Amino acid sequence: MIKKIEHLDLSMEMEKKKYKKKLKKLQFEMLNMQQFLFQNKIGLIIVFEGMDAAGKGGAIKRLTQRLDPRGYVVHPISAPQPHEKRYHYMQRFWRKLPRHGQIGIFDRSWYGRVLVERIEGFAKKEEWSRAYKEINEFERTLTDEQYIIIKFWLHVDKDEQLARFKERQTNPYKMWKLTDEDWRNREKFDTYVQCANEMFEKTDTDHAPWILVPGNNKHYARIKVLEETLKHVEKEVELRGKKIPKFYKSENQNEEE
């Protein structure tokens, strides 16, 4: 079935007590998975896209919270720098790929070509139109080798986005997250949804799938990201003829272990 934002159930929730219990368990499973990937020299690439204030940063924080910091890197992607515009648009992403056995997380990605660059007119129609094929070939090249790719779209509705924008306006620790560009993008909310749906249709593959995550409830979204990451990695590892050993942690172990 073709994935569409309209199919998301944004009413999905998770109670805080259940969230905290599941979060701890899944984060230790992520650590176990990270160690397995390192030992087997398999690179993991995780892409995060979504509406502004949909919770990408919060999901990434929980995804990496218990990982060995030497084994992963998070790339916050913004507009290309002047010197980067002298190259093919994919060049700056090739340079950021993780080594085999490492994890690379992209907070926005090469999909900007068919989203913001398309919508804002930074890419011509012939440029963003052919980008779908270019991106598919790029991802296929990586997954045919020692890489696993999973892509997340986190989504919130207009009302929830507005509430989070207003909260950022008044919270001194979050003010930096809100920019004039966020308000401008909000005016094109429906256009982003339309372009994202086309993106899913043309770039959702078995080897590099899109996972659409309801983000109105942050607890639910963060657990969903962890669960889907673990599930996809386990599936891809088994296709390579390997199996991630199960990891068990005693409940009475210290939190800091």
C-alpha atoms as a PDB file:
ATOM      1  CA  MET A   1       0.000   0.000   0.000  1.00  0.00           C
ATOM      2  CA  ILE A   2       1.280   3.478  -0.864  1.00  0.00           C
ATOM      3  CA  LYS A   3       2.215   5.399   2.268  1.00  0.00           C
ATOM      4  CA  LYS A   4       0.416   8.712   2.747  1.00  0.00           C
ATOM      5  CA  ILE A   5       0.352  11.221   5.562  1.00  0.00           C
ATOM      6  CA  GLU A   6      -3.454  11.183   5.469  1.00  0.00           C
ATOM      7  CA  HIS A   7      -3.367   7.526   6.582  1.00  0.00           C
ATOM      8  CA  LEU A   8      -1.651   8.384   9.884  1.00  0.00           C
ATOM      9  CA  ASP A   9      -3.625   8.114  13.102  1.00  0.00           C
ATOM     10  CA  LEU A  10      -2.435  11.222  14.919  1.00  0.00           C
ATOM     11  CA  SER A  11      -4.515  10.334  17.984  1.00  0.00           C
ATOM     12  CA  MET A  12      -2.044   7.598  19.007  1.00  0.00           C
ATOM     13  CA  GLU A  13      -0.822   8.109  22.585  1.00  0.00           C
ATOM     14  CA  MET A  14       1.305   6.421  25.231  1.00  0.00           C
ATOM     15  CA  GLU A  15       0.979   6.793  28.985  1.00  0.00           C
ATOM     16  CA  LYS A  16       4.098   8.199  30.676  1.00  0.00           C
ATOM     17  CA  LYS A  17       4.763   5.215  32.979  1.00  0.00           C
ATOM     18  CA  LYS A  18       4.594   2.748  30.101  1.00  0.00           C
ATOM     19  CA  TYR A  19       6.738   5.069  27.987  1.00  0.00           C
ATOM     20  CA  LYS A  20       9.537   5.247  30.547  1.00  0.00           C
ATOM     21  CA  LYS A  21       9.610   1.470  31.005  1.00  0.00           C
ATOM     22  CA  LYS A  22       9.668   0.742  27.281  1.00  0.00           C
ATOM     23  CA  LEU A  23      12.191   3.515  26.619  1.00  0.00           C
ATOM     24  CA  LYS A  24      14.759   2.028  28.982  1.00  0.00           C
ATOM     25  CA  LYS A  25      14.433  -1.470  27.520  1.00  0.00           C
ATOM     26  CA  LEU A  26      14.602  -0.305  23.903  1.00  0.00           C
ATOM     27  CA  GLN A  27      17.573   1.967  24.531  1.00  0.00           C
ATOM     28  CA  PHE A  28      19.592  -0.949  25.906  1.00  0.00           C
ATOM     29  CA  GLU A  29      18.568  -2.975  22.846  1.00  0.00           C
ATOM     30  CA  MET A  30      19.900  -0.113  20.712  1.00  0.00           C
ATOM     31  CA  LEU A  31      23.214  -0.282  22.564  1.00  0.00           C
ATOM     32  CA  ASN A  32      23.362  -4.021  21.985  1.00  0.00           C
ATOM     33  CA  MET A  33      22.605  -3.474  18.288  1.00  0.00           C
ATOM     34  CA  GLN A  34      25.278  -0.782  18.030  1.00  0.00           C
ATOM     35  CA  GLN A  35      27.886  -3.182  19.389  1.00  0.00           C
ATOM     36  CA  PHE A  36      26.814  -5.873  16.935  1.00  0.00           C
ATOM     37  CA  LEU A  37      27.039  -3.474  13.978  1.00  0.00           C
ATOM     38  CA  PHE A  38      30.503  -2.388  15.077  1.00  0.00           C
ATOM     39  CA  GLN A  39      31.754  -5.953  15.431  1.00  0.00           C
ATOM     40  CA  ASN A  40      30.365  -6.899  12.006  1.00  0.00           C
ATOM     41  CA  LYS A  41      31.429  -3.665  10.239  1.00  0.00           C
ATOM     42  CA  ILE A  42      27.880  -2.802   9.108  1.00  0.00           C
ATOM     43  CA  GLY A  43      27.061   0.889   8.766  1.00  0.00           C
ATOM     44  CA  LEU A  44      23.629   2.217   9.768  1.00  0.00           C
ATOM     45  CA  ILE A  45      22.139   5.367   8.216  1.00  0.00           C
ATOM     46  CA  ILE A  46      19.008   6.858   9.798  1.00  0.00           C
ATOM     47  CA  VAL A  47      17.229   9.746   8.088  1.00  0.00           C
ATOM     48  CA  PHE A  48      14.795  12.066   9.843  1.00  0.00           C
ATOM     49  CA  GLU A  49      12.430  14.295   7.899  1.00  0.00           C
ATOM     50  CA  GLY A  50       9.120  15.822   8.891  1.00  0.00           C
ATOM     51  CA  MET A  51       7.176  18.967   9.622  1.00  0.00           C
ATOM     52  CA  ASP A  52       8.761  21.697  11.733  1.00  0.00           C
ATOM     53  CA  ALA A  53       8.327  20.994  15.480  1.00  0.00           C
ATOM     54  CA  ALA A  54       7.319  17.387  14.794  1.00  0.00           C
ATOM     55  CA  GLY A  55       9.827  16.088  17.354  1.00  0.00           C
ATOM     56  CA  LYS A  56      12.816  15.001  15.257  1.00  0.00           C
ATOM     57  CA  GLY A  57      15.342  16.313  17.773  1.00  0.00           C
ATOM     58  CA  GLY A  58      13.602  14.680  20.711  1.00  0.00           C
ATOM     59  CA  ALA A  59      13.385  11.342  18.901  1.00  0.00           C
ATOM     60  CA  ILE A  60      17.084  11.486  17.982  1.00  0.00           C
ATOM     61  CA  LYS A  61      18.018  12.297  21.584  1.00  0.00           C
ATOM     62  CA  ARG A  62      16.169   9.226  22.903  1.00  0.00           C
ATOM     63  CA  LEU A  63      17.494   7.048  20.086  1.00  0.00           C
ATOM     64  CA  THR A  64      21.111   7.854  20.968  1.00  0.00           C
ATOM     65  CA  GLN A  65      20.843   8.383  24.728  1.00  0.00           C
ATOM     66  CA  ARG A  66      22.545   5.132  25.781  1.00  0.00           C
ATOM     67  CA  LEU A  67      24.750   4.593  22.729  1.00  0.00           C
ATOM     68  CA  ASP A  68      28.530   4.725  22.833  1.00  0.00           C
ATOM     69  CA  PRO A  69      29.191   8.307  21.644  1.00  0.00           C
ATOM     70  CA  ARG A  70      32.299   7.149  19.793  1.00  0.00           C
ATOM     71  CA  GLY A  71      30.163   5.075  17.464  1.00  0.00           C
ATOM     72  CA  TYR A  72      27.632   7.527  16.080  1.00  0.00           C
ATOM     73  CA  VAL A  73      27.369  11.045  14.690  1.00  0.00           C
ATOM     74  CA  VAL A  74      24.332  13.293  14.178  1.00  0.00           C
ATOM     75  CA  HIS A  75      24.378  15.621  11.169  1.00  0.00           C
ATOM     76  CA  PRO A  76      22.013  18.629  11.424  1.00  0.00           C
ATOM     77  CA  ILE A  77      21.429  19.540   7.781  1.00  0.00           C
ATOM     78  CA  SER A  78      20.613  23.101   6.759  1.00  0.00           C
ATOM     79  CA  ALA A  79      20.931  25.033   3.504  1.00  0.00           C
ATOM     80  CA  PRO A  80      24.146  24.280   1.568  1.00  0.00           C
ATOM     81  CA  GLN A  81      27.073  26.628   2.118  1.00  0.00           C
ATOM     82  CA  PRO A  82      28.317  28.729  -0.831  1.00  0.00           C
ATOM     83  CA  HIS A  83      31.285  26.416  -1.455  1.00  0.00           C
ATOM     84  CA  GLU A  84      28.974  23.362  -1.423  1.00  0.00           C
ATOM     85  CA  LYS A  85      26.845  24.828  -4.223  1.00  0.00           C
ATOM     86  CA  ARG A  86      29.820  24.423  -6.565  1.00  0.00           C
ATOM     87  CA  TYR A  87      29.337  20.646  -6.445  1.00  0.00           C
ATOM     88  CA  HIS A  88      26.561  18.174  -7.204  1.00  0.00           C
ATOM     89  CA  TYR A  89      23.962  18.463  -4.433  1.00  0.00           C
ATOM     90  CA  MET A  90      24.711  14.917  -3.196  1.00  0.00           C
ATOM     91  CA  GLN A  91      28.411  15.606  -2.661  1.00  0.00           C
ATOM     92  CA  ARG A  92      28.005  17.022   0.826  1.00  0.00           C
ATOM     93  CA  PHE A  93      26.107  13.912   1.913  1.00  0.00           C
ATOM     94  CA  TRP A  94      28.639  11.437   0.530  1.00  0.00           C
ATOM     95  CA  ARG A  95      31.224  13.174   2.722  1.00  0.00           C
ATOM     96  CA  LYS A  96      29.095  12.624   5.843  1.00  0.00           C
ATOM     97  CA  LEU A  97      28.419   8.904   5.450  1.00  0.00           C
ATOM     98  CA  PRO A  98      29.390   6.834   8.503  1.00  0.00           C
ATOM     99  CA  ARG A  99      32.227   4.355   8.373  1.00  0.00           C
ATOM    100  CA  HIS A 100      31.383   0.649   8.311  1.00  0.00           C
ATOM    101  CA  GLY A 101      30.368  -0.289  11.837  1.00  0.00           C
ATOM    102  CA  GLN A 102      29.294   3.265  12.697  1.00  0.00           C
ATOM    103  CA  ILE A 103      25.875   4.970  12.857  1.00  0.00           C
ATOM    104  CA  GLY A 104      25.137   8.154  10.912  1.00  0.00           C
ATOM    105  CA  ILE A 105      21.967  10.094  11.742  1.00  0.00           C
ATOM    106  CA  PHE A 106      20.737  12.836   9.416  1.00  0.00           C
ATOM    107  CA  ASP A 107      18.449  15.485  10.908  1.00  0.00           C
ATOM    108  CA  ARG A 108      17.088  16.394   7.468  1.00  0.00           C
ATOM    109  CA  SER A 109      18.865  15.031   4.462  1.00  0.00           C
ATOM    110  CA  TRP A 110      19.254  14.736   0.685  1.00  0.00           C
ATOM    111  CA  TYR A 111      15.454  14.697   0.534  1.00  0.00           C
ATOM    112  CA  GLY A 112      15.566  18.464   0.800  1.00  0.00           C
ATOM    113  CA  ARG A 113      15.982  18.358  -2.971  1.00  0.00           C
ATOM    114  CA  VAL A 114      12.389  17.176  -3.437  1.00  0.00           C
ATOM    115  CA  LEU A 115      10.960  19.114  -0.493  1.00  0.00           C
ATOM    116  CA  VAL A 116      12.241  22.581   0.448  1.00  0.00           C
ATOM    117  CA  GLU A 117      14.309  23.058  -2.724  1.00  0.00           C
ATOM    118  CA  ARG A 118      11.338  22.101  -4.839  1.00  0.00           C
ATOM    119  CA  ILE A 119       8.790  24.140  -2.901  1.00  0.00           C
ATOM    120  CA  GLU A 120      10.930  27.258  -2.545  1.00  0.00           C
ATOM    121  CA  GLY A 121      12.153  27.155  -6.145  1.00  0.00           C
ATOM    122  CA  PHE A 122      15.832  26.545  -5.270  1.00  0.00           C
ATOM    123  CA  ALA A 123      15.838  23.604  -7.695  1.00  0.00           C
ATOM    124  CA  LYS A 124      14.412  23.687 -11.200  1.00  0.00           C
ATOM    125  CA  LYS A 125      11.659  21.247 -12.110  1.00  0.00           C
ATOM    126  CA  GLU A 126      13.989  19.110 -14.223  1.00  0.00           C
ATOM    127  CA  GLU A 127      16.437  18.996 -11.279  1.00  0.00           C
ATOM    128  CA  TRP A 128      14.053  17.880  -8.545  1.00  0.00           C
ATOM    129  CA  SER A 129      12.128  15.619 -10.936  1.00  0.00           C
ATOM    130  CA  ARG A 130      15.197  13.509 -11.710  1.00  0.00           C
ATOM    131  CA  ALA A 131      16.299  13.561  -8.060  1.00  0.00           C
ATOM    132  CA  TYR A 132      13.938  10.703  -7.149  1.00  0.00           C
ATOM    133  CA  LYS A 133      15.888   8.330  -9.404  1.00  0.00           C
ATOM    134  CA  GLU A 134      19.229   9.742  -8.264  1.00  0.00           C
ATOM    135  CA  ILE A 135      18.300   9.239  -4.609  1.00  0.00           C
ATOM    136  CA  ASN A 136      17.048   5.705  -5.176  1.00  0.00           C
ATOM    137  CA  GLU A 137      20.281   4.792  -6.940  1.00  0.00           C
ATOM    138  CA  PHE A 138      22.340   6.423  -4.163  1.00  0.00           C
ATOM    139  CA  GLU A 139      20.544   4.428  -1.468  1.00  0.00           C
ATOM    140  CA  ARG A 140      20.671   1.210  -3.507  1.00  0.00           C
ATOM    141  CA  THR A 141      24.422   1.637  -3.935  1.00  0.00           C
ATOM    142  CA  LEU A 142      24.838   1.868  -0.171  1.00  0.00           C
ATOM    143  CA  THR A 143      22.521  -0.982   0.842  1.00  0.00           C
ATOM    144  CA  ASP A 144      24.064  -3.286  -1.775  1.00  0.00           C
ATOM    145  CA  GLU A 145      27.243  -2.834   0.230  1.00  0.00           C
ATOM    146  CA  GLN A 146      27.745  -2.768   4.013  1.00  0.00           C
ATOM    147  CA  TYR A 147      24.992  -0.291   4.902  1.00  0.00           C
ATOM    148  CA  ILE A 148      21.481  -0.398   6.315  1.00  0.00           C
ATOM    149  CA  ILE A 149      19.154   2.579   5.716  1.00  0.00           C
ATOM    150  CA  ILE A 150      15.902   3.543   7.412  1.00  0.00           C
ATOM    151  CA  LYS A 151      14.008   6.807   6.880  1.00  0.00           C
ATOM    152  CA  PHE A 152      11.531   8.444   9.253  1.00  0.00           C
ATOM    153  CA  TRP A 153       8.892  11.067   8.564  1.00  0.00           C
ATOM    154  CA  LEU A 154       7.566  12.558  11.824  1.00  0.00           C
ATOM    155  CA  HIS A 155       4.258  14.344  11.453  1.00  0.00           C
ATOM    156  CA  VAL A 156       2.063  16.636  13.526  1.00  0.00           C
ATOM    157  CA  ASP A 157      -1.150  18.342  12.550  1.00  0.00           C
ATOM    158  CA  LYS A 158      -1.488  22.108  12.203  1.00  0.00           C
ATOM    159  CA  ASP A 159      -2.982  22.623  15.656  1.00  0.00           C
ATOM    160  CA  GLU A 160      -0.232  20.699  17.438  1.00  0.00           C
ATOM    161  CA  GLN A 161       2.456  22.458  15.419  1.00  0.00           C
ATOM    162  CA  LEU A 162       1.019  25.859  16.376  1.00  0.00           C
ATOM    163  CA  ALA A 163       0.908  24.875  20.049  1.00  0.00           C
ATOM    164  CA  ARG A 164       4.572  23.855  19.934  1.00  0.00           C
ATOM    165  CA  PHE A 165       5.544  27.059  18.141  1.00  0.00           C
ATOM    166  CA  LYS A 166       3.848  29.129  20.855  1.00  0.00           C
ATOM    167  CA  GLU A 167       5.529  27.091  23.590  1.00  0.00           C
ATOM    168  CA  ARG A 168       8.904  27.747  21.981  1.00  0.00           C
ATOM    169  CA  GLN A 169       8.175  31.471  21.900  1.00  0.00           C
ATOM    170  CA  THR A 170       7.899  31.591  25.690  1.00  0.00           C
ATOM    171  CA  ASN A 171      10.455  28.965  26.737  1.00  0.00           C
ATOM    172  CA  PRO A 172      13.943  30.510  27.037  1.00  0.00           C
ATOM    173  CA  TYR A 173      15.543  27.102  26.456  1.00  0.00           C
ATOM    174  CA  LYS A 174      13.632  26.535  23.214  1.00  0.00           C
ATOM    175  CA  MET A 175      13.442  30.013  21.687  1.00  0.00           C
ATOM    176  CA  TRP A 176      16.436  29.252  19.475  1.00  0.00           C
ATOM    177  CA  LYS A 177      14.443  26.500  17.757  1.00  0.00           C
ATOM    178  CA  LEU A 178      11.843  28.904  16.349  1.00  0.00           C
ATOM    179  CA  THR A 179      12.721  31.066  13.355  1.00  0.00           C
ATOM    180  CA  ASP A 180      10.919  33.291  10.875  1.00  0.00           C
ATOM    181  CA  GLU A 181      11.434  30.522   8.352  1.00  0.00           C
ATOM    182  CA  ASP A 182       9.369  28.153  10.508  1.00  0.00           C
ATOM    183  CA  TRP A 183       6.421  30.547  10.346  1.00  0.00           C
ATOM    184  CA  ARG A 184       6.819  30.919   6.559  1.00  0.00           C
ATOM    185  CA  ASN A 185       6.947  27.145   6.118  1.00  0.00           C
ATOM    186  CA  ARG A 186       3.764  26.825   8.168  1.00  0.00           C
ATOM    187  CA  GLU A 187       1.925  28.827   5.514  1.00  0.00           C
ATOM    188  CA  LYS A 188       2.877  26.075   3.026  1.00  0.00           C
ATOM    189  CA  PHE A 189       1.888  23.183   5.304  1.00  0.00           C
ATOM    190  CA  ASP A 190      -0.450  21.566   2.765  1.00  0.00           C
ATOM    191  CA  THR A 191       2.117  21.898  -0.027  1.00  0.00           C
ATOM    192  CA  TYR A 192       4.706  20.093   2.101  1.00  0.00           C
ATOM    193  CA  VAL A 193       2.214  17.296   2.741  1.00  0.00           C
ATOM    194  CA  GLN A 194       1.543  16.952  -0.984  1.00  0.00           C
ATOM    195  CA  CYS A 195       5.259  16.871  -1.876  1.00  0.00           C
ATOM    196  CA  ALA A 196       6.037  14.454   0.962  1.00  0.00           C
ATOM    197  CA  ASN A 197       3.373  12.040  -0.252  1.00  0.00           C
ATOM    198  CA  GLU A 198       4.911  12.085  -3.737  1.00  0.00           C
ATOM    199  CA  MET A 199       8.324  11.521  -2.166  1.00  0.00           C
ATOM    200  CA  PHE A 200       7.076   8.415  -0.312  1.00  0.00           C
ATOM    201  CA  GLU A 201       5.488   7.061  -3.470  1.00  0.00           C
ATOM    202  CA  LYS A 202       8.700   7.367  -5.477  1.00  0.00           C
ATOM    203  CA  THR A 203      11.383   6.558  -2.893  1.00  0.00           C
ATOM    204  CA  ASP A 204       9.857   4.034  -0.473  1.00  0.00           C
ATOM    205  CA  THR A 205      11.734   0.770  -1.043  1.00  0.00           C
ATOM    206  CA  ASP A 206      12.179  -2.503   0.837  1.00  0.00           C
ATOM    207  CA  HIS A 207      15.889  -1.851   1.348  1.00  0.00           C
ATOM    208  CA  ALA A 208      15.447   1.830   2.389  1.00  0.00           C
ATOM    209  CA  PRO A 209      11.873   2.169   3.660  1.00  0.00           C
ATOM    210  CA  TRP A 210       9.988   5.230   4.798  1.00  0.00           C
ATOM    211  CA  ILE A 211       8.379   4.885   8.223  1.00  0.00           C
ATOM    212  CA  LEU A 212       5.650   7.458   8.841  1.00  0.00           C
ATOM    213  CA  VAL A 213       5.319   8.275  12.538  1.00  0.00           C
ATOM    214  CA  PRO A 214       2.365  10.051  14.198  1.00  0.00           C
ATOM    215  CA  GLY A 215       4.010  12.789  16.243  1.00  0.00           C
ATOM    216  CA  ASN A 216       1.206  14.568  18.097  1.00  0.00           C
ATOM    217  CA  ASN A 217       2.117  12.519  21.187  1.00  0.00           C
ATOM    218  CA  LYS A 218       5.868  12.694  21.779  1.00  0.00           C
ATOM    219  CA  HIS A 219       6.002   9.578  23.937  1.00  0.00           C
ATOM    220  CA  TYR A 220       4.363   7.441  21.275  1.00  0.00           C
ATOM    221  CA  ALA A 221       6.550   8.843  18.490  1.00  0.00           C
ATOM    222  CA  ARG A 222       9.837   8.259  20.315  1.00  0.00           C
ATOM    223  CA  ILE A 223       9.003   4.642  21.130  1.00  0.00           C
ATOM    224  CA  LYS A 224       7.833   4.050  17.567  1.00  0.00           C
ATOM    225  CA  VAL A 225      11.158   5.304  16.178  1.00  0.00           C
ATOM    226  CA  LEU A 226      13.133   3.008  18.477  1.00  0.00           C
ATOM    227  CA  GLU A 227      10.966  -0.027  17.727  1.00  0.00           C
ATOM    228  CA  GLU A 228      11.029   0.449  13.967  1.00  0.00           C
ATOM    229  CA  THR A 229      14.795   1.020  13.921  1.00  0.00           C
ATOM    230  CA  LEU A 230      15.451  -2.191  15.811  1.00  0.00           C
ATOM    231  CA  LYS A 231      12.983  -4.155  13.704  1.00  0.00           C
ATOM    232  CA  HIS A 232      14.412  -3.003  10.373  1.00  0.00           C
ATOM    233  CA  VAL A 233      18.026  -3.571  11.403  1.00  0.00           C
ATOM    234  CA  GLU A 234      17.213  -7.062  12.672  1.00  0.00           C
ATOM    235  CA  LYS A 235      15.491  -7.897   9.376  1.00  0.00           C
ATOM    236  CA  GLU A 236      18.400  -6.611   7.271  1.00  0.00           C
ATOM    237  CA  VAL A 237      20.962  -8.421   9.418  1.00  0.00           C
ATOM    238  CA  GLU A 238      19.085 -11.699   8.983  1.00  0.00           C
ATOM    239  CA  LEU A 239      19.032 -11.171   5.195  1.00  0.00           C
ATOM    240  CA  ARG A 240      22.823 -11.042   5.447  1.00  0.00           C
ATOM    241  CA  GLY A 241      22.820 -14.434   7.163  1.00  0.00           C
ATOM    242  CA  LYS A 242      23.527 -13.069  10.646  1.00  0.00           C
ATOM    243  CA  LYS A 243      21.571 -12.708  13.857  1.00  0.00           C
ATOM    244  CA  ILE A 244      21.824 -10.125  16.617  1.00  0.00           C
ATOM    245  CA  PRO A 245      22.243 -11.944  19.948  1.00  0.00           C
ATOM    246  CA  LYS A 246      19.589 -11.072  22.502  1.00  0.00           C
ATOM    247  CA  PHE A 247      20.656  -8.833  25.332  1.00  0.00           C
ATOM    248  CA  TYR A 248      19.136  -9.062  28.778  1.00  0.00           C
ATOM    249  CA  LYS A 249      19.556  -6.503  31.525  1.00  0.00           C
ATOM    250  CA  SER A 250      18.674  -7.232  35.099  1.00  0.00           C
ATOM    251  CA  GLU A 251      16.173  -4.795  36.593  1.00  0.00           C
ATOM    252  CA  ASN A 252      18.376  -4.322  39.664  1.00  0.00           C
ATOM    253  CA  GLN A 253      21.407  -3.171  37.703  1.00  0.00           C
ATOM    254  CA  ASN A 254      22.401   0.400  38.337  1.00  0.00           C
ATOM    255  CA  GLU A 255      21.024   3.024  35.954  1.00  0.00           C
ATOM    256  CA  GLU A 256      24.541   4.197  35.123  1.00  0.00           C
ATOM    257  CA  GLU A 257      25.788   0.783  33.927  1.00  0.00           C
END
